[in-house]
Amino acid sequence: MFTLLRSCLFLAALSLLASAADITGDWKADLQTPQGVVQVSYSFKQEGEALSGTWQAAQTPTVQITDGKVTGDKVSFVVKIEAAKMVFAHEGEIKGEEIRFTMKPSGEFPGSVVTARRVKL
């Protein structure tokens, strides 16, 4: 009986891992700012729950993301722009080829909600 229960728990854990979204690749979003709409580019690399990658808005330098994590259909990471002394914490929900991000307020940036779409090759 114990072996059967352990096997069921193992299979349940595997199914959770298999159902986790893989967001590796390039994504684009339009970000509404006080100065107008700015296109944001995300490039993600996911390994299990760990997420790394880059972020770039309009003509700004490319910035490495930190503290990246994907759990099921949830994603979170931080973008730190040292020169502007701004930190953009992102929390999102993955729905197929879209991710709806909430960007937390930072400095003069009031925060925003954006929808990123996977770039098709």
Protein backbone atom coordinates (compact mmCIF):
# COMPACT_ATOMS: atom_id res chain seq x y z
CA MET A 1 0.00 0.00 0.00
CA PHE A 2 2.82 2.43 0.92
CA THR A 3 4.59 1.72 -2.39
CA LEU A 4 1.42 2.47 -4.34
CA LEU A 5 0.94 5.76 -2.50
CA ARG A 6 4.55 6.75 -3.08
CA SER A 7 4.23 5.91 -6.79
CA CYS A 8 1.08 8.02 -7.10
CA LEU A 9 2.77 10.97 -5.40
CA PHE A 10 5.78 10.63 -7.69
CA LEU A 11 3.55 10.60 -10.79
CA ALA A 12 1.61 13.61 -9.52
CA ALA A 13 4.87 15.53 -9.03
CA LEU A 14 6.02 14.61 -12.52
CA SER A 15 2.76 15.78 -14.05
CA LEU A 16 3.12 19.15 -12.32
CA LEU A 17 6.62 19.56 -13.71
CA ALA A 18 5.49 18.53 -17.19
CA SER A 19 2.62 21.01 -17.16
CA ALA A 20 4.86 23.97 -16.25
CA ALA A 21 5.11 26.44 -19.10
CA ASP A 22 8.43 26.90 -20.92
CA ILE A 23 8.83 30.56 -21.84
CA THR A 24 12.30 30.25 -23.36
CA GLY A 25 12.56 32.59 -26.34
CA ASP A 26 11.87 36.17 -27.38
CA TRP A 27 8.81 38.18 -26.35
CA LYS A 28 7.60 41.73 -27.11
CA ALA A 29 5.18 44.07 -25.32
CA ASP A 30 3.95 47.65 -25.63
CA LEU A 31 4.47 49.56 -22.38
CA GLN A 32 2.42 52.67 -21.68
CA THR A 33 4.62 55.30 -19.99
CA PRO A 34 4.03 58.96 -19.11
CA GLN A 35 6.00 59.78 -22.29
CA GLY A 36 3.95 57.46 -24.53
CA VAL A 37 4.05 53.85 -25.69
CA VAL A 38 7.44 52.12 -25.62
CA GLN A 39 8.17 48.69 -27.09
CA VAL A 40 9.78 46.32 -24.58
CA SER A 41 11.73 43.21 -25.59
CA TYR A 42 12.24 40.22 -23.32
CA SER A 43 14.58 37.33 -24.08
CA PHE A 44 14.12 34.42 -21.67
CA LYS A 45 16.00 31.21 -20.97
CA GLN A 46 14.21 28.82 -18.64
CA GLU A 47 15.78 25.80 -16.96
CA GLY A 48 13.22 24.11 -14.74
CA GLU A 49 11.88 26.86 -12.47
CA ALA A 50 14.97 29.05 -12.92
CA LEU A 51 14.62 31.97 -15.33
CA SER A 52 17.37 34.15 -16.77
CA GLY A 53 17.46 36.51 -19.72
CA THR A 54 17.42 40.13 -20.78
CA TRP A 55 15.09 43.12 -20.94
CA GLN A 56 15.27 46.12 -23.23
CA ALA A 57 12.94 49.10 -23.61
CA ALA A 58 13.10 51.15 -26.83
CA GLN A 59 16.66 52.38 -27.37
CA THR A 60 17.91 51.71 -23.82
CA PRO A 61 20.79 49.33 -23.15
CA THR A 62 19.95 45.66 -22.68
CA VAL A 63 19.69 44.71 -18.99
CA GLN A 64 20.03 41.26 -17.40
CA ILE A 65 17.02 40.11 -15.41
CA THR A 66 17.56 38.82 -11.86
CA ASP A 67 15.63 36.69 -9.39
CA GLY A 68 13.79 34.94 -12.23
CA LYS A 69 11.40 32.12 -11.44
CA VAL A 70 8.65 30.18 -13.22
CA THR A 71 6.23 28.13 -11.16
CA GLY A 72 3.38 26.54 -13.07
CA ASP A 73 1.78 29.40 -15.01
CA LYS A 74 3.33 32.14 -12.81
CA VAL A 75 6.52 34.03 -13.63
CA SER A 76 8.47 36.66 -11.72
CA PHE A 77 11.74 38.53 -12.15
CA VAL A 78 13.41 41.87 -11.49
CA VAL A 79 14.94 44.42 -13.88
CA LYS A 80 17.43 46.83 -12.28
CA ILE A 81 18.44 49.93 -14.22
CA GLU A 82 21.38 51.19 -12.18
CA ALA A 83 21.88 54.48 -14.08
CA ALA A 84 18.28 55.57 -13.46
CA LYS A 85 18.18 54.00 -9.99
CA MET A 86 15.00 52.14 -10.91
CA VAL A 87 13.90 48.60 -10.14
CA PHE A 88 11.08 47.02 -12.12
CA ALA A 89 9.66 43.97 -10.36
CA HIS A 90 7.61 41.88 -12.79
CA GLU A 91 4.96 39.33 -11.86
CA GLY A 92 3.08 37.57 -14.60
CA GLU A 93 0.68 34.88 -15.65
CA ILE A 94 1.47 32.70 -18.65
CA LYS A 95 -1.39 31.90 -21.01
CA GLY A 96 -0.10 30.05 -24.06
CA GLU A 97 1.74 32.52 -26.29
CA GLU A 98 1.02 35.51 -24.02
CA ILE A 99 2.24 36.63 -20.60
CA ARG A 100 0.31 39.30 -18.71
CA PHE A 101 2.83 41.18 -16.55
CA THR A 102 2.23 43.55 -13.67
CA MET A 103 5.20 45.89 -13.34
CA LYS A 104 5.50 47.39 -9.86
CA PRO A 105 5.98 51.18 -9.46
CA SER A 106 9.57 52.48 -9.29
CA GLY A 107 10.79 56.07 -9.01
CA GLU A 108 8.67 58.23 -11.30
CA PHE A 109 7.28 55.16 -13.09
CA PRO A 110 3.75 54.56 -11.75
CA GLY A 111 3.67 50.85 -12.58
CA SER A 112 1.82 49.21 -15.42
CA VAL A 113 0.19 46.08 -16.76
CA VAL A 114 1.51 44.82 -20.09
CA THR A 115 0.86 41.79 -22.25
CA ALA A 116 3.93 40.25 -23.85
CA ARG A 117 3.55 38.07 -26.91
CA ARG A 118 5.97 35.41 -28.07
CA VAL A 119 7.92 36.46 -31.16
CA LYS A 120 7.21 34.02 -33.98
CA LEU A 121 10.16 33.08 -36.16
